[in-house]
Amino acid sequence: MKTCIDLRQLLEALAGGFKALAGGKVVNPARWPQLDIPDAGYSLAMPAWMAACI
């Protein structure tokens, strides 16, 4: 059986993440590294970190 994430939960999580980012609670360095893949495109890593909300 396949299940999907609840759209409301996803939007709430995204909203919380953007609020934390705007509030300076998230560390997110520039995208790095960029790997160029000839004739196919590229791959980017987008690291980020914030303290757990427990």
C-alpha atoms as a PDB file:
ATOM      1  CA  MET A   1       0.000   0.000   0.000  1.00  0.00           C
ATOM      2  CA  LYS A   2       1.344   3.415  -0.968  1.00  0.00           C
ATOM      3  CA  THR A   3       0.663   6.515   1.057  1.00  0.00           C
ATOM      4  CA  CYS A   4       1.268  10.157   0.289  1.00  0.00           C
ATOM      5  CA  ILE A   5       2.196  12.995   2.575  1.00  0.00           C
ATOM      6  CA  ASP A   6      -0.736  15.111   3.671  1.00  0.00           C
ATOM      7  CA  LEU A   7      -0.608  18.400   1.749  1.00  0.00           C
ATOM      8  CA  ARG A   8      -1.618  20.451   4.801  1.00  0.00           C
ATOM      9  CA  GLN A   9       1.193  18.918   6.859  1.00  0.00           C
ATOM     10  CA  LEU A  10       3.675  19.632   4.068  1.00  0.00           C
ATOM     11  CA  LEU A  11       2.590  23.268   3.814  1.00  0.00           C
ATOM     12  CA  GLU A  12       2.784  23.694   7.603  1.00  0.00           C
ATOM     13  CA  ALA A  13       6.297  22.236   7.647  1.00  0.00           C
ATOM     14  CA  LEU A  14       7.402  24.480   4.776  1.00  0.00           C
ATOM     15  CA  ALA A  15       5.896  27.541   6.453  1.00  0.00           C
ATOM     16  CA  GLY A  16       7.706  26.704   9.691  1.00  0.00           C
ATOM     17  CA  GLY A  17      10.978  26.279   7.829  1.00  0.00           C
ATOM     18  CA  PHE A  18      10.663  29.602   6.024  1.00  0.00           C
ATOM     19  CA  LYS A  19       9.763  31.372   9.291  1.00  0.00           C
ATOM     20  CA  ALA A  20      12.839  29.847  10.945  1.00  0.00           C
ATOM     21  CA  LEU A  21      14.989  30.928   8.004  1.00  0.00           C
ATOM     22  CA  ALA A  22      13.608  34.477   8.115  1.00  0.00           C
ATOM     23  CA  GLY A  23      14.173  34.537  11.886  1.00  0.00           C
ATOM     24  CA  GLY A  24      17.855  33.665  11.503  1.00  0.00           C
ATOM     25  CA  LYS A  25      17.441  30.238  13.113  1.00  0.00           C
ATOM     26  CA  VAL A  26      18.640  28.303  10.067  1.00  0.00           C
ATOM     27  CA  VAL A  27      22.197  27.952   8.806  1.00  0.00           C
ATOM     28  CA  ASN A  28      22.142  27.485   5.044  1.00  0.00           C
ATOM     29  CA  PRO A  29      25.386  28.032   3.163  1.00  0.00           C
ATOM     30  CA  ALA A  30      25.444  28.559  -0.579  1.00  0.00           C
ATOM     31  CA  ARG A  31      24.710  25.607  -2.835  1.00  0.00           C
ATOM     32  CA  TRP A  32      27.848  23.568  -3.068  1.00  0.00           C
ATOM     33  CA  PRO A  33      29.239  21.565  -4.696  1.00  0.00           C
ATOM     34  CA  GLN A  34      27.865  21.822  -8.190  1.00  0.00           C
ATOM     35  CA  LEU A  35      28.551  18.762 -10.275  1.00  0.00           C
ATOM     36  CA  ASP A  36      28.225  19.337 -14.010  1.00  0.00           C
ATOM     37  CA  ILE A  37      27.113  16.216 -15.842  1.00  0.00           C
ATOM     38  CA  PRO A  38      28.003  16.415 -19.556  1.00  0.00           C
ATOM     39  CA  ASP A  39      24.980  16.306 -21.867  1.00  0.00           C
ATOM     40  CA  ALA A  40      22.655  15.659 -18.912  1.00  0.00           C
ATOM     41  CA  GLY A  41      22.604  18.666 -16.584  1.00  0.00           C
ATOM     42  CA  TYR A  42      23.949  19.192 -13.102  1.00  0.00           C
ATOM     43  CA  SER A  43      23.494  18.204  -9.478  1.00  0.00           C
ATOM     44  CA  LEU A  44      23.454  20.638  -6.571  1.00  0.00           C
ATOM     45  CA  ALA A  45      23.722  19.946  -2.846  1.00  0.00           C
ATOM     46  CA  MET A  46      21.689  22.318  -0.680  1.00  0.00           C
ATOM     47  CA  PRO A  47      22.773  21.809   2.931  1.00  0.00           C
ATOM     48  CA  ALA A  48      20.991  23.448   5.854  1.00  0.00           C
ATOM     49  CA  TRP A  49      20.820  23.015   9.621  1.00  0.00           C
ATOM     50  CA  MET A  50      18.716  24.212  12.518  1.00  0.00           C
ATOM     51  CA  ALA A  51      18.339  23.148  16.124  1.00  0.00           C
ATOM     52  CA  ALA A  52      15.728  20.459  16.747  1.00  0.00           C
ATOM     53  CA  CYS A  53      12.323  21.592  17.962  1.00  0.00           C
ATOM     54  CA  ILE A  54      11.671  19.034  20.677  1.00  0.00           C
END
